[in-house]
Structure formats: structure tokens, C-alpha cells
């Protein structure tokens, strides 16, 4: 299995680093106007495959596939979701396939960190939010990309921080109660060495995203 850095790692090691008991492993292949998705849910302690499915659908069904996978995982893990969490599963972050493709390509460029790849990711994310100005996760990822450039000393300037701030507050204007947006703001404040504010935003994100291990 490959995880982030491209170095082979076992399932238990990855789960320990992420602070989770289960992992979702999968692949996506695009062929013209169709998409093939293979996914499997793995118990990190035993390496047992709890559930697996293959989807072969028209490309414009990709958001429905995401929702179906999320619901299947909830069922397999017998998880209890709040009404807000159930609504989030049913609502796609964007209905623009091109914007979604730009977003996914940008995500793949951001880890491991590299200056040129981060700049490419920013270009893609700028295009994504231009296509869909209500694409909240793209704004959060865009803010994070700018903050990474600042934190890694590749562009340690007020201008870079201003770009990150613009993106994160665009996300918060869309959904002031979004845990993802508050997590992005926590990261941004951490970049500015405003640790108290960062911890306060992290606490909000924890309440909204209770099933994730969140840290700065």
C-alpha cells in the first residue's frame, strides 16, 4: 500500500498515524465519459476486508457514488450520525464536474510538500472556485496551500498570508458553521503564530467534526 509519501507502509501503521480504526482503500479510473471506482473497507487491526464494492457509472454519477460509499460505510460500521451529518452525506460539495476534477488534481499535488507542486495546486484551486464560487472544500484547500507555502518558508510574506486569509474567510462566509472551514482557519492562525486563536478554532472544528483526530 502507498500512503502520501509513496513509501510502502502497512495498514496498522497508517491507521495509527491517522488515529483511526478502519481505512478505506480504493482506486478511480476514468474512461471517456465513464468512471470506475473500486473501494474496500479494512479493519486496521486485523487487516480484514469488511466490505468491498465496484462502481462502473457515467461520469456525471460520481457525486452519487460518493454518497453511496459514505452510506455503505456508515452501515457497515453501524455508526450513529446526527441529522446534520446525514444531510452532509447527501449534499455534494459541488455539482460542477470540472471544478471537482480540478480540486482532486490539486489535492494530489499538495502532499508531500513541494513548492512548485503547491503553486500548481493553487492555480488549479483558483480555477475550481472560479467555476464554482460555492465550492467550500476548494476554498479550504486553497487556504491550506497558501499557508503551507508560508510555513515552509517558500513565500514568507504578508501577501501570501493575505491570500490564505481571503480563501478561508470565503469558506466561512459560505457556511459559518462548517467544521472544515474552522479547521482551515485554525491552520491559518497557526501560520500567523496566533496560537490561542488557532486552538479556539480547533476546538470548534472538533465539535463539528467529532470523528476526526484533529491537531496542529
Protein backbone atom coordinates (compact mmCIF):
# COMPACT_ATOMS: atom_id res chain seq x y z
CA UNK A 1 0.00 0.00 0.00
CA UNK A 2 1.22 3.52 -0.76
CA UNK A 3 0.37 6.41 1.53
CA UNK A 4 1.21 10.06 0.90
CA UNK A 5 4.97 9.86 0.65
CA UNK A 6 4.92 6.89 -1.72
CA UNK A 7 6.80 4.64 0.70
CA UNK A 8 5.25 1.22 1.37
CA UNK A 9 3.59 1.10 4.80
CA UNK A 10 1.36 -1.42 6.49
CA UNK A 11 -2.28 -0.83 7.30
CA UNK A 12 -1.77 -0.74 11.07
CA UNK A 13 0.97 1.88 10.79
CA UNK A 14 -1.16 4.14 8.60
CA UNK A 15 -4.18 3.78 10.89
CA UNK A 16 -2.06 4.60 13.93
CA UNK A 17 -0.75 7.76 12.29
CA UNK A 18 -4.25 8.84 11.32
CA UNK A 19 -5.78 7.84 14.64
CA UNK A 20 -8.45 5.61 13.09
CA UNK A 21 -9.64 2.02 13.48
CA UNK A 22 -10.63 1.50 9.84
CA UNK A 23 -9.22 2.51 6.48
CA UNK A 24 -10.92 2.98 3.12
CA UNK A 25 -8.75 1.85 0.24
CA UNK A 26 -9.67 2.40 -3.36
CA UNK A 27 -8.91 3.40 -6.90
CA UNK A 28 -10.60 5.55 -9.52
CA UNK A 29 -10.29 5.15 -13.27
CA UNK A 30 -11.80 7.46 -15.85
CA UNK A 31 -12.54 6.25 -19.35
CA UNK A 32 -14.07 8.91 -21.59
CA UNK A 33 -17.46 9.68 -20.04
CA UNK A 34 -17.43 6.78 -17.56
CA UNK A 35 -15.81 6.33 -14.17
CA UNK A 36 -14.84 3.10 -12.42
CA UNK A 37 -14.41 3.13 -8.66
CA UNK A 38 -13.16 0.21 -6.57
CA UNK A 39 -13.32 0.58 -2.79
CA UNK A 40 -12.79 -1.64 0.22
CA UNK A 41 -13.19 -1.02 3.92
CA UNK A 42 -10.41 -2.52 6.04
CA UNK A 43 -10.16 -3.26 9.76
CA UNK A 44 -6.77 -1.77 10.60
CA UNK A 45 -6.08 -4.12 13.50
CA UNK A 46 -6.78 -7.39 11.70
CA UNK A 47 -6.29 -6.31 8.07
CA UNK A 48 -9.67 -7.95 7.39
CA UNK A 49 -11.74 -6.61 4.49
CA UNK A 50 -15.13 -5.70 5.93
CA UNK A 51 -16.77 -4.50 2.75
CA UNK A 52 -15.91 -4.01 -0.91
CA UNK A 53 -17.74 -2.68 -3.93
CA UNK A 54 -17.10 -1.79 -7.56
CA UNK A 55 -18.92 1.03 -9.33
CA UNK A 56 -19.00 1.49 -13.10
CA UNK A 57 -21.12 4.52 -13.90
CA UNK A 58 -21.44 7.52 -16.20
CA UNK A 59 -19.06 10.28 -15.14
CA UNK A 60 -21.86 12.57 -14.04
CA UNK A 61 -22.84 9.98 -11.40
CA UNK A 62 -19.58 10.50 -9.49
CA UNK A 63 -21.25 12.53 -6.73
CA UNK A 64 -23.94 9.89 -6.26
CA UNK A 65 -21.18 7.28 -5.95
CA UNK A 66 -19.54 9.32 -3.17
CA UNK A 67 -22.81 9.45 -1.27
CA UNK A 68 -23.44 5.72 -1.73
CA UNK A 69 -19.96 4.84 -0.47
CA UNK A 70 -20.38 7.05 2.60
CA UNK A 71 -23.76 5.49 3.42
CA UNK A 72 -22.38 1.97 2.96
CA UNK A 73 -19.51 2.69 5.36
CA UNK A 74 -21.91 4.11 7.95
CA UNK A 75 -24.00 0.95 7.67
CA UNK A 76 -21.00 -1.38 7.92
CA UNK A 77 -19.63 0.39 10.98
CA UNK A 78 -23.11 0.80 12.50
CA UNK A 79 -22.27 4.44 13.11
CA UNK A 80 -24.81 6.87 14.52
CA UNK A 81 -24.98 10.13 12.61
CA UNK A 82 -26.58 13.41 13.52
CA UNK A 83 -29.15 14.96 11.20
CA UNK A 84 -26.51 17.45 10.05
CA UNK A 85 -24.06 14.65 9.23
CA UNK A 86 -26.71 12.77 7.24
CA UNK A 87 -27.51 15.91 5.29
CA UNK A 88 -23.81 16.42 4.56
CA UNK A 89 -23.60 12.93 3.06
CA UNK A 90 -26.50 13.65 0.72
CA UNK A 91 -25.24 17.06 -0.40
CA UNK A 92 -22.31 17.18 -2.80
CA UNK A 93 -19.78 19.95 -2.24
CA UNK A 94 -20.12 20.92 -5.90
CA UNK A 95 -22.20 19.86 -8.86
CA UNK A 96 -19.56 21.05 -11.33
CA UNK A 97 -17.58 18.05 -12.55
CA UNK A 98 -14.79 20.19 -13.98
CA UNK A 99 -14.39 22.05 -10.68
CA UNK A 100 -14.34 18.75 -8.81
CA UNK A 101 -11.67 17.38 -11.16
CA UNK A 102 -9.53 20.49 -10.60
CA UNK A 103 -9.93 20.07 -6.85
CA UNK A 104 -8.92 16.41 -6.87
CA UNK A 105 -5.88 17.12 -9.03
CA UNK A 106 -4.84 19.88 -6.63
CA UNK A 107 -5.19 17.61 -3.59
CA UNK A 108 -2.86 15.08 -5.19
CA UNK A 109 -0.23 17.77 -5.68
CA UNK A 110 -0.11 19.03 -2.11
CA UNK A 111 1.42 16.00 -0.38
CA UNK A 112 4.27 15.54 0.02
CA UNK A 113 5.00 19.26 0.06
CA UNK A 114 6.94 20.74 -2.82
CA UNK A 115 6.97 24.43 -3.74
CA UNK A 116 6.33 24.01 -7.45
CA UNK A 117 3.62 21.41 -6.88
CA UNK A 118 1.95 23.67 -4.30
CA UNK A 119 1.92 26.56 -6.77
CA UNK A 120 0.38 24.28 -9.39
CA UNK A 121 -2.25 23.20 -6.86
CA UNK A 122 -3.09 26.83 -6.12
CA UNK A 123 -3.63 27.50 -9.82
CA UNK A 124 -5.99 24.54 -10.06
CA UNK A 125 -7.90 25.53 -6.93
CA UNK A 126 -8.25 29.11 -8.15
CA UNK A 127 -9.81 27.70 -11.31
CA UNK A 128 -12.10 25.45 -9.25
CA UNK A 129 -13.54 28.27 -7.14
CA UNK A 130 -13.87 30.46 -10.23
CA UNK A 131 -16.02 27.77 -11.82
CA UNK A 132 -17.99 27.19 -8.61
CA UNK A 133 -17.81 30.10 -6.13
CA UNK A 134 -19.73 27.99 -3.58
CA UNK A 135 -17.21 25.13 -3.53
CA UNK A 136 -16.32 25.28 0.17
CA UNK A 137 -13.73 22.44 0.37
CA UNK A 138 -11.82 24.03 -2.52
CA UNK A 139 -11.56 27.32 -0.60
CA UNK A 140 -10.33 25.42 2.48
CA UNK A 141 -7.74 23.54 0.46
CA UNK A 142 -6.69 26.78 -1.24
CA UNK A 143 -6.16 28.47 2.12
CA UNK A 144 -4.13 25.49 3.28
CA UNK A 145 -1.93 25.58 0.17
CA UNK A 146 -1.11 29.25 0.71
CA UNK A 147 -0.39 28.60 4.39
CA UNK A 148 1.93 25.70 3.51
CA UNK A 149 3.99 27.96 1.25
CA UNK A 150 4.24 30.46 4.10
CA UNK A 151 5.04 27.89 6.80
CA UNK A 152 7.71 26.16 4.74
CA UNK A 153 9.42 29.49 4.10
CA UNK A 154 8.85 29.36 0.35
CA UNK A 155 6.91 32.64 0.39
CA UNK A 156 7.07 34.05 3.91
CA UNK A 157 5.33 37.30 3.01
CA UNK A 158 2.25 39.23 4.18
CA UNK A 159 0.86 38.85 0.67
CA UNK A 160 0.84 35.06 0.93
CA UNK A 161 -0.94 35.24 4.29
CA UNK A 162 -3.49 37.62 2.80
CA UNK A 163 -4.28 35.13 0.03
CA UNK A 164 -4.77 32.37 2.60
CA UNK A 165 -6.99 34.61 4.71
CA UNK A 166 -9.12 35.56 1.72
CA UNK A 167 -9.72 31.90 0.89
CA UNK A 168 -10.55 30.80 4.43
CA UNK A 169 -13.00 33.64 5.02
CA UNK A 170 -14.65 32.89 1.69
CA UNK A 171 -15.31 29.41 3.08
CA UNK A 172 -16.65 30.78 6.36
CA UNK A 173 -18.98 33.18 4.57
CA UNK A 174 -20.46 30.23 2.69
CA UNK A 175 -21.02 28.19 5.86
CA UNK A 176 -20.16 29.82 9.18
CA UNK A 177 -20.83 26.53 11.00
CA UNK A 178 -18.55 24.43 8.79
CA UNK A 179 -16.05 22.40 10.77
CA UNK A 180 -13.84 22.14 7.71
CA UNK A 181 -13.74 25.93 7.40
CA UNK A 182 -12.92 26.37 11.10
CA UNK A 183 -10.15 23.80 10.76
CA UNK A 184 -8.73 25.79 7.83
CA UNK A 185 -8.91 28.95 9.95
CA UNK A 186 -7.12 27.17 12.80
CA UNK A 187 -4.30 26.27 10.43
CA UNK A 188 -4.16 29.82 9.13
CA UNK A 189 -3.96 31.34 12.62
CA UNK A 190 -1.26 28.82 13.50
CA UNK A 191 0.69 30.02 10.46
CA UNK A 192 0.46 33.56 11.86
CA UNK A 193 1.68 32.33 15.29
CA UNK A 194 -1.70 33.23 16.81
CA UNK A 195 -1.80 30.07 18.88
CA UNK A 196 -4.68 30.95 21.22
CA UNK A 197 -6.93 31.75 18.29
CA UNK A 198 -5.80 28.62 16.49
CA UNK A 199 -6.65 26.43 19.48
CA UNK A 200 -10.07 28.08 19.81
CA UNK A 201 -10.85 27.38 16.16
CA UNK A 202 -9.55 23.84 16.52
CA UNK A 203 -11.97 23.30 19.41
CA UNK A 204 -14.86 24.43 17.19
CA UNK A 205 -13.70 22.08 14.43
CA UNK A 206 -13.53 19.19 16.91
CA UNK A 207 -17.14 19.75 17.93
CA UNK A 208 -18.28 19.83 14.34
CA UNK A 209 -16.03 17.01 13.10
CA UNK A 210 -16.15 14.70 16.14
CA UNK A 211 -14.91 11.58 14.38
CA UNK A 212 -11.62 13.03 13.20
CA UNK A 213 -8.39 13.31 15.17
CA UNK A 214 -7.56 16.98 14.78
CA UNK A 215 -4.28 18.57 15.72
CA UNK A 216 -1.99 21.37 14.58
